[in-house]
């Protein structure tokens, strides 16, 4: 009992440390005083400024477009990669492929961004939408692979054998057996790729051009010019959107897991 209380206290302290700065930032986004030193009156002025800034809305659209496209493409590529790795028979070769997949995850963002910048410069590619999209797909694919691969590994081979015995083609096995079974992993990978793309700064900072930017880079540029509560309002909105994505993923995961529990119960 004592250990349980200590664990709960420790967990509460961790959450306070993590979320206190965000709550502090959100609190002052409603301050009419224009500073983060003394709260004067409640106002939505800074939120109005965010939605009236046409340039900021264009940047928001750019960010969402990059995030959705990179998440969708990386999910498709990641699922194909997970299927390929899972079908490798040699264990040492499979482990080598997994190691190569994990390199992109454990590598520092600065190294990844600088590497892509050098690559695009060598290819003579103009930095902008395409370069940012390619970079986001590159660091999102390994995440999708890690989300999908465990579902493939826990899948019983007898399901595939039964489908083949019933006359299913390879395409039928893939679309009617494998994909539905690993759909929770696919959804996990998509939402993880989406949130990583929305939150990324370091890689995007290296590969974005003068005519194209994302919200993370824009917030950094605004912060360098001086403290403005518009940044607080914008950051609060981003946090709320991310929170909604997480809650949406959690709800979808529970809904997807419920039929499986019912089947087991039957």
Protein backbone atom coordinates (compact mmCIF):
# COMPACT_ATOMS: atom_id res chain seq x y z
CA UNK A 1 0.00 0.00 0.00
CA UNK A 2 2.82 2.40 0.87
CA UNK A 3 4.58 1.64 -2.40
CA UNK A 4 1.35 2.26 -4.29
CA UNK A 5 0.93 5.68 -2.65
CA UNK A 6 4.53 6.63 -3.39
CA UNK A 7 4.07 5.56 -7.01
CA UNK A 8 0.92 7.68 -7.32
CA UNK A 9 2.65 10.70 -5.77
CA UNK A 10 5.62 10.28 -8.12
CA UNK A 11 3.28 9.97 -11.13
CA UNK A 12 1.39 13.09 -10.05
CA UNK A 13 4.65 15.05 -9.74
CA UNK A 14 5.72 13.93 -13.21
CA UNK A 15 2.43 15.12 -14.72
CA UNK A 16 2.70 18.44 -12.87
CA UNK A 17 6.21 19.02 -14.23
CA UNK A 18 5.10 18.12 -17.76
CA UNK A 19 1.83 20.04 -17.90
CA UNK A 20 2.40 23.03 -15.60
CA UNK A 21 4.28 25.06 -18.29
CA UNK A 22 1.52 24.32 -20.83
CA UNK A 23 -1.22 25.36 -18.41
CA UNK A 24 0.76 28.48 -17.47
CA UNK A 25 1.06 29.39 -21.16
CA UNK A 26 -2.65 28.71 -21.79
CA UNK A 27 -3.67 30.75 -18.72
CA UNK A 28 -1.91 33.89 -19.95
CA UNK A 29 -3.31 33.48 -23.47
CA UNK A 30 -6.50 35.03 -21.98
CA UNK A 31 -4.68 37.97 -20.37
CA UNK A 32 -5.68 41.41 -21.64
CA UNK A 33 -2.48 42.94 -20.22
CA UNK A 34 -0.33 41.64 -23.06
CA UNK A 35 2.35 40.23 -20.75
CA UNK A 36 2.99 37.02 -18.80
CA UNK A 37 3.80 38.82 -15.55
CA UNK A 38 0.42 39.93 -14.21
CA UNK A 39 -3.05 38.78 -15.21
CA UNK A 40 -5.37 41.77 -15.66
CA UNK A 41 -8.66 40.81 -17.33
CA UNK A 42 -10.05 37.88 -19.28
CA UNK A 43 -10.02 38.41 -23.05
CA UNK A 44 -10.16 36.47 -26.30
CA UNK A 45 -8.30 39.21 -28.16
CA UNK A 46 -5.22 37.08 -28.86
CA UNK A 47 -7.34 34.28 -30.30
CA UNK A 48 -9.10 36.77 -32.56
CA UNK A 49 -5.69 37.95 -33.76
CA UNK A 50 -4.70 34.38 -34.60
CA UNK A 51 -7.80 33.82 -36.74
CA UNK A 52 -7.57 37.26 -38.39
CA UNK A 53 -3.96 36.73 -39.45
CA UNK A 54 -4.29 35.50 -43.05
CA UNK A 55 -0.63 34.52 -43.26
CA UNK A 56 -0.93 32.43 -40.11
CA UNK A 57 -3.99 30.65 -41.48
CA UNK A 58 -2.09 29.80 -44.68
CA UNK A 59 0.76 28.41 -42.56
CA UNK A 60 -1.77 26.38 -40.56
CA UNK A 61 -3.15 24.97 -43.82
CA UNK A 62 0.40 24.13 -44.94
CA UNK A 63 1.07 22.33 -41.66
CA UNK A 64 -2.14 20.29 -41.81
CA UNK A 65 -1.56 19.40 -45.47
CA UNK A 66 1.98 18.21 -44.77
CA UNK A 67 0.86 16.28 -41.68
CA UNK A 68 -2.06 14.50 -43.37
CA UNK A 69 -0.17 13.70 -46.57
CA UNK A 70 2.97 12.49 -44.79
CA UNK A 71 0.90 10.42 -42.34
CA UNK A 72 -1.12 8.80 -45.13
CA UNK A 73 1.88 8.03 -47.36
CA UNK A 74 4.08 6.87 -44.48
CA UNK A 75 1.25 4.61 -43.25
CA UNK A 76 1.01 2.91 -46.65
CA UNK A 77 4.79 2.55 -46.95
CA UNK A 78 5.14 1.53 -43.30
CA UNK A 79 2.52 -1.23 -43.61
CA UNK A 80 4.28 -2.56 -46.72
CA UNK A 81 7.60 -2.43 -44.88
CA UNK A 82 6.19 -4.24 -41.83
CA UNK A 83 4.72 -6.96 -44.06
CA UNK A 84 8.06 -7.36 -45.84
CA UNK A 85 10.04 -7.57 -42.59
CA UNK A 86 7.56 -10.02 -41.08
CA UNK A 87 7.85 -12.31 -44.11
CA UNK A 88 11.65 -12.50 -43.95
CA UNK A 89 12.60 -16.04 -42.94
CA UNK A 90 16.20 -15.48 -41.85
CA UNK A 91 16.24 -14.13 -38.31
CA UNK A 92 19.59 -12.31 -38.62
CA UNK A 93 18.48 -10.52 -41.81
CA UNK A 94 15.18 -9.56 -40.15
CA UNK A 95 17.02 -8.13 -37.15
CA UNK A 96 19.29 -6.17 -39.50
CA UNK A 97 16.25 -4.65 -41.23
CA UNK A 98 14.71 -3.74 -37.87
CA UNK A 99 17.97 -2.10 -36.81
CA UNK A 100 18.05 -0.03 -39.99
CA UNK A 101 14.42 0.92 -39.38
CA UNK A 102 15.17 2.04 -35.82
CA UNK A 103 18.16 4.17 -36.82
CA UNK A 104 15.85 6.95 -38.05
CA UNK A 105 13.99 6.93 -34.73
CA UNK A 106 16.99 7.05 -32.41
CA UNK A 107 18.98 9.51 -34.53
CA UNK A 108 18.87 13.15 -33.32
CA UNK A 109 16.53 15.38 -35.29
CA UNK A 110 19.35 17.81 -35.96
CA UNK A 111 21.35 15.07 -37.70
CA UNK A 112 18.35 14.00 -39.75
CA UNK A 113 17.54 17.56 -40.77
CA UNK A 114 21.14 18.39 -41.68
CA UNK A 115 21.44 15.16 -43.68
CA UNK A 116 18.33 15.94 -45.70
CA UNK A 117 19.51 19.50 -46.25
CA UNK A 118 22.82 18.23 -47.67
CA UNK A 119 20.98 15.65 -49.81
CA UNK A 120 18.57 18.20 -51.27
CA UNK A 121 21.45 20.60 -51.94
CA UNK A 122 23.38 17.87 -53.79
CA UNK A 123 20.29 17.05 -55.86
CA UNK A 124 19.69 20.72 -56.59
CA UNK A 125 16.17 20.48 -55.16
CA UNK A 126 14.49 23.69 -54.14
CA UNK A 127 13.52 23.73 -50.48
CA UNK A 128 9.81 24.04 -49.86
CA UNK A 129 6.69 21.88 -49.77
CA UNK A 130 8.24 18.84 -51.47
CA UNK A 131 11.40 18.78 -49.35
CA UNK A 132 9.41 19.09 -46.11
CA UNK A 133 6.99 16.35 -47.21
CA UNK A 134 9.82 13.94 -48.10
CA UNK A 135 11.58 14.57 -44.78
CA UNK A 136 8.38 14.04 -42.77
CA UNK A 137 7.61 10.80 -44.62
CA UNK A 138 11.16 9.58 -43.96
CA UNK A 139 11.00 9.94 -40.18
CA UNK A 140 7.35 8.77 -39.98
CA UNK A 141 7.73 5.46 -41.84
CA UNK A 142 9.84 3.77 -39.09
CA UNK A 143 7.22 4.78 -36.51
CA UNK A 144 4.45 3.13 -38.53
CA UNK A 145 6.56 -0.02 -38.93
CA UNK A 146 7.03 -0.25 -35.16
CA UNK A 147 3.28 0.17 -34.60
CA UNK A 148 2.21 -2.42 -37.19
CA UNK A 149 4.89 -5.11 -36.78
CA UNK A 150 3.80 -6.32 -33.29
CA UNK A 151 0.26 -6.87 -34.56
CA UNK A 152 1.61 -8.97 -37.43
CA UNK A 153 3.79 -11.00 -35.09
CA UNK A 154 0.93 -11.80 -32.72
CA UNK A 155 -1.31 -12.87 -35.60
CA UNK A 156 -1.77 -16.64 -35.76
CA UNK A 157 -0.57 -18.25 -39.03
CA UNK A 158 -3.60 -20.55 -38.87
CA UNK A 159 -5.83 -17.63 -39.92
CA UNK A 160 -3.92 -17.31 -43.19
CA UNK A 161 -3.82 -21.08 -43.69
CA UNK A 162 -7.57 -21.33 -43.13
CA UNK A 163 -8.23 -18.56 -45.65
CA UNK A 164 -6.06 -20.29 -48.26
CA UNK A 165 -7.79 -23.61 -47.64
CA UNK A 166 -11.10 -21.90 -48.35
CA UNK A 167 -9.78 -20.75 -51.73
CA UNK A 168 -8.76 -17.17 -50.92
CA UNK A 169 -6.22 -15.57 -53.22
CA UNK A 170 -3.17 -13.68 -51.93
CA UNK A 171 -5.03 -10.41 -52.42
CA UNK A 172 -8.04 -11.75 -50.50
CA UNK A 173 -5.80 -12.90 -47.66
CA UNK A 174 -4.18 -9.46 -47.49
CA UNK A 175 -7.34 -7.35 -47.71
CA UNK A 176 -9.82 -9.59 -45.84
CA UNK A 177 -7.64 -11.24 -43.19
CA UNK A 178 -4.36 -9.44 -42.56
CA UNK A 179 -5.40 -5.79 -42.95
CA UNK A 180 -8.53 -6.08 -40.73
CA UNK A 181 -6.52 -7.88 -38.05
CA UNK A 182 -3.71 -5.30 -37.96
CA UNK A 183 -6.03 -2.29 -38.37
CA UNK A 184 -5.48 -1.13 -34.74
CA UNK A 185 -1.74 -1.01 -35.43
CA UNK A 186 -2.33 0.84 -38.70
CA UNK A 187 -4.48 3.44 -36.92
CA UNK A 188 -1.84 3.78 -34.20
CA UNK A 189 0.85 4.33 -36.79
CA UNK A 190 -1.23 6.89 -38.69
CA UNK A 191 -2.01 8.97 -35.60
CA UNK A 192 1.58 8.74 -34.35
CA UNK A 193 2.88 9.88 -37.73
CA UNK A 194 0.32 12.69 -37.78
CA UNK A 195 1.27 14.00 -34.34
CA UNK A 196 5.01 13.69 -35.03
CA UNK A 197 4.58 15.70 -38.22
CA UNK A 198 2.49 18.38 -36.49
CA UNK A 199 5.00 18.73 -33.64
CA UNK A 200 8.24 18.51 -35.59
CA UNK A 201 10.50 21.55 -35.58
CA UNK A 202 14.16 20.55 -35.90
CA UNK A 203 13.92 18.59 -39.17
CA UNK A 204 11.46 21.06 -40.71
CA UNK A 205 13.68 24.00 -39.78
CA UNK A 206 16.49 22.58 -41.93
CA UNK A 207 14.45 21.63 -45.00
CA UNK A 208 11.91 24.44 -45.25
CA UNK A 209 12.40 27.22 -47.80
CA UNK A 210 11.83 30.95 -47.71
CA UNK A 211 8.42 30.68 -49.39
CA UNK A 212 7.11 27.83 -47.28
CA UNK A 213 6.95 27.25 -43.53
CA UNK A 214 5.02 25.33 -40.88
CA UNK A 215 3.53 26.35 -37.55
CA UNK A 216 6.43 25.10 -35.44
CA UNK A 217 8.96 27.11 -37.44
CA UNK A 218 6.65 30.16 -37.47
CA UNK A 219 6.18 30.03 -33.69
CA UNK A 220 9.95 29.92 -33.28
CA UNK A 221 10.30 32.96 -35.56
CA UNK A 222 7.59 34.85 -33.64
CA UNK A 223 9.22 34.01 -30.29
CA UNK A 224 12.55 35.41 -31.47
CA UNK A 225 10.93 38.78 -32.21
CA UNK A 226 9.68 39.12 -28.64
CA UNK A 227 7.03 37.90 -26.26
CA UNK A 228 3.53 38.10 -27.72
CA UNK A 229 0.44 36.46 -26.29
CA UNK A 230 -0.54 35.55 -29.83
CA UNK A 231 2.07 32.80 -29.47
CA UNK A 232 0.33 31.65 -26.31
CA UNK A 233 -3.04 31.51 -28.06
CA UNK A 234 -1.61 29.68 -31.06
CA UNK A 235 0.27 27.19 -28.89
CA UNK A 236 -2.84 26.55 -26.81
CA UNK A 237 -4.86 25.80 -29.93
CA UNK A 238 -2.17 23.39 -31.15
CA UNK A 239 -2.14 21.64 -27.77
CA UNK A 240 -5.94 21.28 -27.84
CA UNK A 241 -5.87 19.86 -31.37
CA UNK A 242 -3.16 17.37 -30.38
CA UNK A 243 -5.16 16.41 -27.29
CA UNK A 244 -8.26 15.83 -29.42
CA UNK A 245 -6.23 13.64 -31.79
CA UNK A 246 -4.97 11.54 -28.88
CA UNK A 247 -8.48 11.18 -27.42
CA UNK A 248 -9.83 10.31 -30.86
CA UNK A 249 -7.17 7.65 -31.32
CA UNK A 250 -7.94 6.25 -27.86
CA UNK A 251 -11.67 6.08 -28.63
CA UNK A 252 -11.07 4.40 -32.00
CA UNK A 253 -8.67 1.89 -30.42
CA UNK A 254 -11.23 0.96 -27.75
CA UNK A 255 -13.93 0.60 -30.38
CA UNK A 256 -11.70 -1.61 -32.53
CA UNK A 257 -10.72 -3.78 -29.56
CA UNK A 258 -14.31 -4.31 -28.39
CA UNK A 259 -15.37 -6.76 -31.16
CA UNK A 260 -12.22 -8.81 -30.48
CA UNK A 261 -13.18 -9.09 -26.79
CA UNK A 262 -16.70 -10.15 -27.74
CA UNK A 263 -15.35 -12.86 -30.06
CA UNK A 264 -13.09 -14.16 -27.30
CA UNK A 265 -16.00 -14.14 -24.85
CA UNK A 266 -18.19 -16.12 -27.24
